[in-house]
Amino acid sequence: MVGVTLMWSIAGVVTRHLEHAQKFEVTFWRSFFTMLCLLVLLPLFKGRGVFRRMRHGGAVMWLSGLCWSGMMTFFMVALMLTTVANVLVTMALTPLLTALAARIFIGHRIPLRTWLAIVVAGAGIAYMYASQLGQGVSLAGTLVALCVPVAGAANWTITQHAHAQGHDVDLVPAVLIGAALSALVTLPLAWPFQASIHDLWLLSGLGLVQLAIPCVLVVVCARVLKAPEVALLGLLEVIFGILLAWVGAGEVPGHDVFVGGALVIGALVANELVAWRGRA
């Protein structure tokens, strides 16, 4: 799982070394290469009948795929509009927004610790955004980044509701659907292509190493690790991603990101640790 988070975290530093590809083209190629890689990996991982089973996945699988498409698209566009740290800290809100969505739409009870975590994390994000606004920084990228945890919360709420109804969604095929939809939607916006061969090598690497392989591995990890363990280890993506962009691309996070990010990550860690101890 630590290896998975390290692979997830390379997107920011890799995009900083692109030569000519622009935001929608970057999104298209990453989604396209992810789709190609999953078309090869899925039969190896799930057997040759996986595509036949996908046809009977029902509306829930396609809704999950639509959410994955939104997450992929918004994530890459946000990376091209703002700093890696801004995007990753904002994405860390996914578990808390999921708890809120599950409370509103399917009636899940939210414990007091999670309410407190939502308030503290919300304050951290508000501080980060307000500081940037005061410095005259454009909030377009951070607002796009906020769409990633919203789409993620919708995805997990849909799959939780389906599970409660006795229908489990196979997440890896849903990622394949999401990659295909993301590539299809961004293709007209990406044309005419400007990416160099150097860019295509980097983006194909993102498709394989940053998304396709870890998506398969995290399913394996989830069979062995408990949900709080997966959630806590998943937060390493934020730490790894910011460090890689700092060391590998000279993108130094500002004071507002340190303060806001500490509040968000601290709230998430405290929430998961209390939940873990309670279950123990």
C-alpha atoms as a PDB file:
ATOM      1  CA  MET A   1       0.000   0.000   0.000  1.00  0.00           C
ATOM      2  CA  VAL A   2       2.929   2.325   0.635  1.00  0.00           C
ATOM      3  CA  GLY A   3       4.159   1.503  -2.870  1.00  0.00           C
ATOM      4  CA  VAL A   4       0.694   2.296  -4.240  1.00  0.00           C
ATOM      5  CA  THR A   5       0.695   5.752  -2.639  1.00  0.00           C
ATOM      6  CA  LEU A   6       4.201   6.405  -3.984  1.00  0.00           C
ATOM      7  CA  MET A   7       3.024   5.537  -7.507  1.00  0.00           C
ATOM      8  CA  TRP A   8      -0.066   7.737  -7.130  1.00  0.00           C
ATOM      9  CA  SER A   9       2.104  10.657  -6.019  1.00  0.00           C
ATOM     10  CA  ILE A  10       4.281  10.935  -9.159  1.00  0.00           C
ATOM     11  CA  ALA A  11       1.656  12.750 -11.263  1.00  0.00           C
ATOM     12  CA  GLY A  12       2.612  16.228 -10.070  1.00  0.00           C
ATOM     13  CA  VAL A  13       6.356  16.010 -10.597  1.00  0.00           C
ATOM     14  CA  VAL A  14       5.948  14.274 -13.987  1.00  0.00           C
ATOM     15  CA  THR A  15       3.595  16.956 -15.344  1.00  0.00           C
ATOM     16  CA  ARG A  16       6.139  19.632 -14.392  1.00  0.00           C
ATOM     17  CA  HIS A  17       8.593  18.099 -16.872  1.00  0.00           C
ATOM     18  CA  LEU A  18       6.280  18.109 -19.895  1.00  0.00           C
ATOM     19  CA  GLU A  19       7.462  20.165 -22.858  1.00  0.00           C
ATOM     20  CA  HIS A  20       4.461  21.096 -25.017  1.00  0.00           C
ATOM     21  CA  ALA A  21       1.310  19.251 -23.890  1.00  0.00           C
ATOM     22  CA  GLN A  22      -1.387  21.490 -22.423  1.00  0.00           C
ATOM     23  CA  LYS A  23      -4.040  20.781 -19.775  1.00  0.00           C
ATOM     24  CA  PHE A  24      -6.728  18.985 -21.814  1.00  0.00           C
ATOM     25  CA  GLU A  25      -4.185  17.158 -23.934  1.00  0.00           C
ATOM     26  CA  VAL A  26      -2.378  16.023 -20.780  1.00  0.00           C
ATOM     27  CA  THR A  27      -5.690  14.731 -19.429  1.00  0.00           C
ATOM     28  CA  PHE A  28      -6.548  12.958 -22.683  1.00  0.00           C
ATOM     29  CA  TRP A  29      -3.232  11.132 -23.063  1.00  0.00           C
ATOM     30  CA  ARG A  30      -3.064  10.048 -19.425  1.00  0.00           C
ATOM     31  CA  SER A  31      -6.632   8.676 -19.579  1.00  0.00           C
ATOM     32  CA  PHE A  32      -6.029   7.077 -22.980  1.00  0.00           C
ATOM     33  CA  PHE A  33      -2.871   5.275 -21.840  1.00  0.00           C
ATOM     34  CA  THR A  34      -4.604   4.201 -18.612  1.00  0.00           C
ATOM     35  CA  MET A  35      -7.389   2.675 -20.714  1.00  0.00           C
ATOM     36  CA  LEU A  36      -4.906   0.789 -22.924  1.00  0.00           C
ATOM     37  CA  CYS A  37      -2.991  -0.522 -19.909  1.00  0.00           C
ATOM     38  CA  LEU A  38      -6.142  -1.708 -18.131  1.00  0.00           C
ATOM     39  CA  LEU A  39      -7.333  -3.465 -21.296  1.00  0.00           C
ATOM     40  CA  VAL A  40      -4.187  -5.594 -20.956  1.00  0.00           C
ATOM     41  CA  LEU A  41      -4.054  -5.870 -17.143  1.00  0.00           C
ATOM     42  CA  LEU A  42      -7.711  -6.664 -16.490  1.00  0.00           C
ATOM     43  CA  PRO A  43      -7.803 -10.059 -18.286  1.00  0.00           C
ATOM     44  CA  LEU A  44      -4.557 -11.016 -16.519  1.00  0.00           C
ATOM     45  CA  PHE A  45      -5.947 -10.008 -13.134  1.00  0.00           C
ATOM     46  CA  LYS A  46      -9.623 -10.926 -13.489  1.00  0.00           C
ATOM     47  CA  GLY A  47      -9.590 -13.624 -16.171  1.00  0.00           C
ATOM     48  CA  ARG A  48     -10.689 -13.558 -19.803  1.00  0.00           C
ATOM     49  CA  GLY A  49     -14.361 -13.268 -18.915  1.00  0.00           C
ATOM     50  CA  VAL A  50     -13.977  -9.851 -17.289  1.00  0.00           C
ATOM     51  CA  PHE A  51     -15.248  -7.890 -20.304  1.00  0.00           C
ATOM     52  CA  ARG A  52     -18.261 -10.187 -20.637  1.00  0.00           C
ATOM     53  CA  ARG A  53     -19.055  -9.639 -16.943  1.00  0.00           C
ATOM     54  CA  MET A  54     -18.705  -5.867 -17.397  1.00  0.00           C
ATOM     55  CA  ARG A  55     -21.649  -5.916 -19.794  1.00  0.00           C
ATOM     56  CA  HIS A  56     -23.808  -7.125 -16.916  1.00  0.00           C
ATOM     57  CA  GLY A  57     -22.399  -4.644 -14.388  1.00  0.00           C
ATOM     58  CA  GLY A  58     -25.571  -2.582 -14.479  1.00  0.00           C
ATOM     59  CA  ALA A  59     -26.140   1.138 -13.996  1.00  0.00           C
ATOM     60  CA  VAL A  60     -24.103   1.262 -10.781  1.00  0.00           C
ATOM     61  CA  MET A  61     -20.868   0.292 -12.544  1.00  0.00           C
ATOM     62  CA  TRP A  62     -21.445   2.954 -15.199  1.00  0.00           C
ATOM     63  CA  LEU A  63     -22.233   5.585 -12.548  1.00  0.00           C
ATOM     64  CA  SER A  64     -19.029   4.647 -10.751  1.00  0.00           C
ATOM     65  CA  GLY A  65     -17.172   4.876 -14.074  1.00  0.00           C
ATOM     66  CA  LEU A  66     -18.639   8.339 -14.633  1.00  0.00           C
ATOM     67  CA  CYS A  67     -17.364   9.417 -11.203  1.00  0.00           C
ATOM     68  CA  TRP A  68     -13.908   7.988 -11.970  1.00  0.00           C
ATOM     69  CA  SER A  69     -13.947   9.922 -15.234  1.00  0.00           C
ATOM     70  CA  GLY A  70     -14.636  13.142 -13.330  1.00  0.00           C
ATOM     71  CA  MET A  71     -11.883  12.427 -10.814  1.00  0.00           C
ATOM     72  CA  MET A  72      -9.315  11.720 -13.558  1.00  0.00           C
ATOM     73  CA  THR A  73     -10.265  14.763 -15.628  1.00  0.00           C
ATOM     74  CA  PHE A  74     -10.514  17.311 -12.810  1.00  0.00           C
ATOM     75  CA  PHE A  75      -7.293  16.046 -11.206  1.00  0.00           C
ATOM     76  CA  MET A  76      -5.101  16.514 -14.269  1.00  0.00           C
ATOM     77  CA  VAL A  77      -6.659  19.850 -15.258  1.00  0.00           C
ATOM     78  CA  ALA A  78      -6.156  21.117 -11.688  1.00  0.00           C
ATOM     79  CA  LEU A  79      -2.485  20.069 -11.747  1.00  0.00           C
ATOM     80  CA  MET A  80      -1.990  22.222 -14.841  1.00  0.00           C
ATOM     81  CA  LEU A  81      -3.678  25.229 -13.191  1.00  0.00           C
ATOM     82  CA  THR A  82      -2.260  25.295  -9.665  1.00  0.00           C
ATOM     83  CA  THR A  83       0.457  23.801  -7.465  1.00  0.00           C
ATOM     84  CA  VAL A  84       0.769  20.117  -6.701  1.00  0.00           C
ATOM     85  CA  ALA A  85       0.434  20.833  -2.970  1.00  0.00           C
ATOM     86  CA  ASN A  86      -2.875  22.678  -3.450  1.00  0.00           C
ATOM     87  CA  VAL A  87      -4.336  19.804  -5.454  1.00  0.00           C
ATOM     88  CA  LEU A  88      -3.206  17.035  -3.090  1.00  0.00           C
ATOM     89  CA  VAL A  89      -4.304  18.798   0.107  1.00  0.00           C
ATOM     90  CA  THR A  90      -7.711  19.503  -1.442  1.00  0.00           C
ATOM     91  CA  MET A  91      -8.028  15.884  -2.586  1.00  0.00           C
ATOM     92  CA  ALA A  92      -7.421  14.734   0.980  1.00  0.00           C
ATOM     93  CA  LEU A  93     -10.950  15.915   1.811  1.00  0.00           C
ATOM     94  CA  THR A  94     -12.433  12.889  -0.009  1.00  0.00           C
ATOM     95  CA  PRO A  95     -13.065  10.705   3.093  1.00  0.00           C
ATOM     96  CA  LEU A  96     -14.783  13.533   4.965  1.00  0.00           C
ATOM     97  CA  LEU A  97     -16.925  14.583   2.004  1.00  0.00           C
ATOM     98  CA  THR A  98     -17.809  10.907   1.564  1.00  0.00           C
ATOM     99  CA  ALA A  99     -19.020  10.770   5.171  1.00  0.00           C
ATOM    100  CA  LEU A 100     -21.176  13.854   4.573  1.00  0.00           C
ATOM    101  CA  ALA A 101     -22.599  12.500   1.316  1.00  0.00           C
ATOM    102  CA  ALA A 102     -23.368   9.144   2.928  1.00  0.00           C
ATOM    103  CA  ARG A 103     -25.174  10.958   5.760  1.00  0.00           C
ATOM    104  CA  ILE A 104     -27.262  13.079   3.389  1.00  0.00           C
ATOM    105  CA  PHE A 105     -28.127  10.522   0.710  1.00  0.00           C
ATOM    106  CA  ILE A 106     -28.149   7.116   2.390  1.00  0.00           C
ATOM    107  CA  GLY A 107     -28.639   8.009   6.049  1.00  0.00           C
ATOM    108  CA  HIS A 108     -25.303   6.859   7.480  1.00  0.00           C
ATOM    109  CA  ARG A 109     -24.685   8.142  10.989  1.00  0.00           C
ATOM    110  CA  ILE A 110     -21.652  10.406  11.387  1.00  0.00           C
ATOM    111  CA  PRO A 111     -19.872  10.024  14.762  1.00  0.00           C
ATOM    112  CA  LEU A 112     -18.808  13.085  16.726  1.00  0.00           C
ATOM    113  CA  ARG A 113     -15.109  12.515  15.921  1.00  0.00           C
ATOM    114  CA  THR A 114     -15.858  12.725  12.197  1.00  0.00           C
ATOM    115  CA  TRP A 115     -17.922  15.906  12.621  1.00  0.00           C
ATOM    116  CA  LEU A 116     -14.952  17.448  14.456  1.00  0.00           C
ATOM    117  CA  ALA A 117     -12.589  16.272  11.701  1.00  0.00           C
ATOM    118  CA  ILE A 118     -14.842  17.838   9.044  1.00  0.00           C
ATOM    119  CA  VAL A 119     -14.844  21.179  10.905  1.00  0.00           C
ATOM    120  CA  VAL A 120     -11.057  21.220  11.417  1.00  0.00           C
ATOM    121  CA  ALA A 121     -10.272  20.098   7.854  1.00  0.00           C
ATOM    122  CA  GLY A 122     -12.754  22.637   6.477  1.00  0.00           C
ATOM    123  CA  ALA A 123     -11.006  25.356   8.473  1.00  0.00           C
ATOM    124  CA  GLY A 124      -7.660  24.249   7.027  1.00  0.00           C
ATOM    125  CA  ILE A 125      -8.936  24.419   3.453  1.00  0.00           C
ATOM    126  CA  ALA A 126     -10.641  27.779   4.106  1.00  0.00           C
ATOM    127  CA  TYR A 127      -7.399  29.193   5.537  1.00  0.00           C
ATOM    128  CA  MET A 128      -5.392  27.936   2.568  1.00  0.00           C
ATOM    129  CA  TYR A 129      -7.823  29.390   0.028  1.00  0.00           C
ATOM    130  CA  ALA A 130      -8.257  32.708   1.891  1.00  0.00           C
ATOM    131  CA  SER A 131      -4.490  33.202   2.152  1.00  0.00           C
ATOM    132  CA  GLN A 132      -4.061  32.588  -1.563  1.00  0.00           C
ATOM    133  CA  LEU A 133      -6.915  34.941  -2.398  1.00  0.00           C
ATOM    134  CA  GLY A 134      -5.290  37.606  -0.246  1.00  0.00           C
ATOM    135  CA  GLN A 135      -2.045  37.135  -2.176  1.00  0.00           C
ATOM    136  CA  GLY A 136      -3.843  37.635  -5.489  1.00  0.00           C
ATOM    137  CA  VAL A 137      -3.419  33.992  -6.543  1.00  0.00           C
ATOM    138  CA  SER A 138      -6.021  32.656  -8.993  1.00  0.00           C
ATOM    139  CA  LEU A 139      -8.361  30.170  -7.343  1.00  0.00           C
ATOM    140  CA  ALA A 140      -9.372  28.505 -10.621  1.00  0.00           C
ATOM    141  CA  GLY A 141      -7.036  25.567 -10.069  1.00  0.00           C
ATOM    142  CA  THR A 142      -8.066  24.984  -6.463  1.00  0.00           C
ATOM    143  CA  LEU A 143     -11.752  25.176  -7.367  1.00  0.00           C
ATOM    144  CA  VAL A 144     -11.215  22.570 -10.097  1.00  0.00           C
ATOM    145  CA  ALA A 145      -9.256  20.481  -7.578  1.00  0.00           C
ATOM    146  CA  LEU A 146     -12.240  20.653  -5.203  1.00  0.00           C
ATOM    147  CA  CYS A 147     -14.278  18.810  -7.844  1.00  0.00           C
ATOM    148  CA  VAL A 148     -12.018  15.751  -7.373  1.00  0.00           C
ATOM    149  CA  PRO A 149     -13.081  14.943  -3.771  1.00  0.00           C
ATOM    150  CA  VAL A 150     -16.696  15.791  -4.688  1.00  0.00           C
ATOM    151  CA  ALA A 151     -16.606  13.208  -7.499  1.00  0.00           C
ATOM    152  CA  GLY A 152     -14.791  10.792  -5.190  1.00  0.00           C
ATOM    153  CA  ALA A 153     -17.422  11.213  -2.476  1.00  0.00           C
ATOM    154  CA  ALA A 154     -20.174  10.573  -5.038  1.00  0.00           C
ATOM    155  CA  ASN A 155     -18.343   7.450  -6.215  1.00  0.00           C
ATOM    156  CA  TRP A 156     -17.903   5.902  -2.762  1.00  0.00           C
ATOM    157  CA  THR A 157     -21.469   6.788  -1.756  1.00  0.00           C
ATOM    158  CA  ILE A 158     -22.833   5.068  -4.874  1.00  0.00           C
ATOM    159  CA  THR A 159     -20.735   1.948  -4.247  1.00  0.00           C
ATOM    160  CA  GLN A 160     -21.647   1.880  -0.513  1.00  0.00           C
ATOM    161  CA  HIS A 161     -25.343   2.120  -1.351  1.00  0.00           C
ATOM    162  CA  ALA A 162     -24.974  -0.665  -3.929  1.00  0.00           C
ATOM    163  CA  HIS A 163     -23.157  -2.828  -1.354  1.00  0.00           C
ATOM    164  CA  ALA A 164     -25.989  -2.282   1.138  1.00  0.00           C
ATOM    165  CA  GLN A 165     -28.400  -3.499  -1.554  1.00  0.00           C
ATOM    166  CA  GLY A 166     -26.341  -6.674  -2.046  1.00  0.00           C
ATOM    167  CA  HIS A 167     -24.630  -5.573  -5.285  1.00  0.00           C
ATOM    168  CA  ASP A 168     -20.863  -5.029  -5.043  1.00  0.00           C
ATOM    169  CA  VAL A 169     -19.222  -2.889  -7.724  1.00  0.00           C
ATOM    170  CA  ASP A 170     -15.977  -4.184  -9.234  1.00  0.00           C
ATOM    171  CA  LEU A 171     -13.881  -1.029  -8.987  1.00  0.00           C
ATOM    172  CA  VAL A 172     -11.110  -1.864 -11.465  1.00  0.00           C
ATOM    173  CA  PRO A 173     -13.461  -2.283 -14.465  1.00  0.00           C
ATOM    174  CA  ALA A 174     -15.165   0.935 -13.303  1.00  0.00           C
ATOM    175  CA  VAL A 175     -11.764   2.665 -13.538  1.00  0.00           C
ATOM    176  CA  LEU A 176     -11.457   1.369 -17.115  1.00  0.00           C
ATOM    177  CA  ILE A 177     -14.862   2.865 -17.946  1.00  0.00           C
ATOM    178  CA  GLY A 178     -13.792   6.126 -16.302  1.00  0.00           C
ATOM    179  CA  ALA A 179     -10.561   6.285 -18.293  1.00  0.00           C
ATOM    180  CA  ALA A 180     -12.425   5.658 -21.553  1.00  0.00           C
ATOM    181  CA  LEU A 181     -15.029   8.342 -20.782  1.00  0.00           C
ATOM    182  CA  SER A 182     -12.351  10.841 -19.720  1.00  0.00           C
ATOM    183  CA  ALA A 183     -10.395  10.265 -22.948  1.00  0.00           C
ATOM    184  CA  LEU A 184     -13.567  10.572 -25.029  1.00  0.00           C
ATOM    185  CA  VAL A 185     -14.682  13.825 -23.377  1.00  0.00           C
ATOM    186  CA  THR A 186     -11.277  15.534 -23.506  1.00  0.00           C
ATOM    187  CA  LEU A 187     -10.330  14.456 -27.052  1.00  0.00           C
ATOM    188  CA  PRO A 188     -12.140  17.373 -28.807  1.00  0.00           C
ATOM    189  CA  LEU A 189     -10.663  19.831 -26.266  1.00  0.00           C
ATOM    190  CA  ALA A 190      -7.159  18.399 -26.700  1.00  0.00           C
ATOM    191  CA  TRP A 191      -7.143  18.712 -30.506  1.00  0.00           C
ATOM    192  CA  PRO A 192      -4.848  19.665 -32.257  1.00  0.00           C
ATOM    193  CA  PHE A 193      -2.213  17.689 -30.364  1.00  0.00           C
ATOM    194  CA  GLN A 194       0.995  19.477 -29.386  1.00  0.00           C
ATOM    195  CA  ALA A 195       2.706  16.837 -27.238  1.00  0.00           C
ATOM    196  CA  SER A 196       6.258  15.880 -28.140  1.00  0.00           C
ATOM    197  CA  ILE A 197       7.583  12.309 -28.107  1.00  0.00           C
ATOM    198  CA  HIS A 198       9.149  13.155 -24.734  1.00  0.00           C
ATOM    199  CA  ASP A 199       5.714  14.192 -23.423  1.00  0.00           C
ATOM    200  CA  LEU A 200       4.062  11.025 -24.727  1.00  0.00           C
ATOM    201  CA  TRP A 201       6.630   8.833 -22.977  1.00  0.00           C
ATOM    202  CA  LEU A 202       5.983  10.619 -19.683  1.00  0.00           C
ATOM    203  CA  LEU A 203       2.198  10.495 -20.083  1.00  0.00           C
ATOM    204  CA  SER A 204       2.223   6.818 -21.043  1.00  0.00           C
ATOM    205  CA  GLY A 205       4.235   6.224 -17.866  1.00  0.00           C
ATOM    206  CA  LEU A 206       1.545   8.022 -15.882  1.00  0.00           C
ATOM    207  CA  GLY A 207      -1.137   5.869 -17.465  1.00  0.00           C
ATOM    208  CA  LEU A 208       0.672   2.654 -16.518  1.00  0.00           C
ATOM    209  CA  VAL A 209       2.583   3.415 -13.310  1.00  0.00           C
ATOM    210  CA  GLN A 210       0.543   6.197 -11.713  1.00  0.00           C
ATOM    211  CA  LEU A 211      -2.960   4.851 -12.319  1.00  0.00           C
ATOM    212  CA  ALA A 212      -3.382   1.409 -13.959  1.00  0.00           C
ATOM    213  CA  ILE A 213      -0.983  -0.630 -11.807  1.00  0.00           C
ATOM    214  CA  PRO A 214      -1.853   0.989  -8.435  1.00  0.00           C
ATOM    215  CA  CYS A 215      -5.585   0.656  -9.129  1.00  0.00           C
ATOM    216  CA  VAL A 216      -5.109  -3.098  -9.478  1.00  0.00           C
ATOM    217  CA  LEU A 217      -2.794  -3.324  -6.457  1.00  0.00           C
ATOM    218  CA  VAL A 218      -5.037  -1.319  -4.112  1.00  0.00           C
ATOM    219  CA  VAL A 219      -7.819  -3.867  -4.652  1.00  0.00           C
ATOM    220  CA  VAL A 220      -5.397  -6.573  -3.469  1.00  0.00           C
ATOM    221  CA  CYS A 221      -4.354  -4.429  -0.484  1.00  0.00           C
ATOM    222  CA  ALA A 222      -7.968  -3.845   0.522  1.00  0.00           C
ATOM    223  CA  ARG A 223      -8.461  -7.606   0.876  1.00  0.00           C
ATOM    224  CA  VAL A 224      -5.737  -7.785   3.528  1.00  0.00           C
ATOM    225  CA  LEU A 225      -5.715  -4.390   5.265  1.00  0.00           C
ATOM    226  CA  LYS A 226      -8.521  -2.926   7.340  1.00  0.00           C
ATOM    227  CA  ALA A 227     -10.315   0.169   6.012  1.00  0.00           C
ATOM    228  CA  PRO A 228      -8.665   2.580   8.531  1.00  0.00           C
ATOM    229  CA  GLU A 229      -5.240   1.207   7.582  1.00  0.00           C
ATOM    230  CA  VAL A 230      -5.923   1.806   3.893  1.00  0.00           C
ATOM    231  CA  ALA A 231      -7.220   5.326   4.645  1.00  0.00           C
ATOM    232  CA  LEU A 232      -4.220   6.243   6.797  1.00  0.00           C
ATOM    233  CA  LEU A 233      -1.659   4.854   4.376  1.00  0.00           C
ATOM    234  CA  GLY A 234      -3.479   6.574   1.501  1.00  0.00           C
ATOM    235  CA  LEU A 235      -2.616   9.933   3.086  1.00  0.00           C
ATOM    236  CA  LEU A 236       1.033   9.249   2.246  1.00  0.00           C
ATOM    237  CA  GLU A 237       0.157  10.302  -1.311  1.00  0.00           C
ATOM    238  CA  VAL A 238      -0.112  13.904  -0.102  1.00  0.00           C
ATOM    239  CA  ILE A 239       3.281  13.772   1.655  1.00  0.00           C
ATOM    240  CA  PHE A 240       5.058  11.944  -1.183  1.00  0.00           C
ATOM    241  CA  GLY A 241       3.485  14.136  -3.869  1.00  0.00           C
ATOM    242  CA  ILE A 242       4.476  17.430  -2.241  1.00  0.00           C
ATOM    243  CA  LEU A 243       8.018  16.174  -1.543  1.00  0.00           C
ATOM    244  CA  LEU A 244       8.502  14.876  -5.088  1.00  0.00           C
ATOM    245  CA  ALA A 245       7.311  18.166  -6.608  1.00  0.00           C
ATOM    246  CA  TRP A 246       9.590  20.059  -4.202  1.00  0.00           C
ATOM    247  CA  VAL A 247      12.713  17.958  -4.847  1.00  0.00           C
ATOM    248  CA  GLY A 248      12.048  16.989  -8.464  1.00  0.00           C
ATOM    249  CA  ALA A 249      10.570  20.213  -9.844  1.00  0.00           C
ATOM    250  CA  GLY A 250      11.546  22.958  -7.374  1.00  0.00           C
ATOM    251  CA  GLU A 251       7.907  23.628  -6.464  1.00  0.00           C
ATOM    252  CA  VAL A 252       8.200  24.873  -2.877  1.00  0.00           C
ATOM    253  CA  PRO A 253       4.894  24.791  -0.931  1.00  0.00           C
ATOM    254  CA  GLY A 254       3.913  28.063   0.701  1.00  0.00           C
ATOM    255  CA  HIS A 255       3.255  28.742   4.380  1.00  0.00           C
ATOM    256  CA  ASP A 256      -0.506  28.666   3.791  1.00  0.00           C
ATOM    257  CA  VAL A 257      -0.243  25.138   2.349  1.00  0.00           C
ATOM    258  CA  PHE A 258       1.783  23.955   5.346  1.00  0.00           C
ATOM    259  CA  VAL A 259      -0.742  25.340   7.837  1.00  0.00           C
ATOM    260  CA  GLY A 260      -3.874  24.344   5.913  1.00  0.00           C
ATOM    261  CA  GLY A 261      -2.433  20.967   4.970  1.00  0.00           C
ATOM    262  CA  ALA A 262      -1.417  20.229   8.576  1.00  0.00           C
ATOM    263  CA  LEU A 263      -4.978  20.886   9.738  1.00  0.00           C
ATOM    264  CA  VAL A 264      -6.477  18.679   7.021  1.00  0.00           C
ATOM    265  CA  ILE A 265      -4.046  15.774   7.435  1.00  0.00           C
ATOM    266  CA  GLY A 266      -4.091  16.048  11.229  1.00  0.00           C
ATOM    267  CA  ALA A 267      -7.904  15.905  11.298  1.00  0.00           C
ATOM    268  CA  LEU A 268      -7.961  12.867   9.001  1.00  0.00           C
ATOM    269  CA  VAL A 269      -5.275  10.992  10.948  1.00  0.00           C
ATOM    270  CA  ALA A 270      -6.976  11.691  14.294  1.00  0.00           C
ATOM    271  CA  ASN A 271     -10.345  10.571  12.923  1.00  0.00           C
ATOM    272  CA  GLU A 272      -8.986   7.289  11.547  1.00  0.00           C
ATOM    273  CA  LEU A 273      -6.875   6.517  14.638  1.00  0.00           C
ATOM    274  CA  VAL A 274      -9.835   7.007  16.985  1.00  0.00           C
ATOM    275  CA  ALA A 275     -11.991   4.811  14.727  1.00  0.00           C
ATOM    276  CA  TRP A 276      -9.259   2.152  14.644  1.00  0.00           C
ATOM    277  CA  ARG A 277      -8.909   2.091  18.429  1.00  0.00           C
ATOM    278  CA  GLY A 278     -12.674   1.939  18.812  1.00  0.00           C
ATOM    279  CA  ARG A 279     -12.889  -1.130  16.574  1.00  0.00           C
ATOM    280  CA  ALA A 280      -9.950  -2.752  18.404  1.00  0.00           C
END
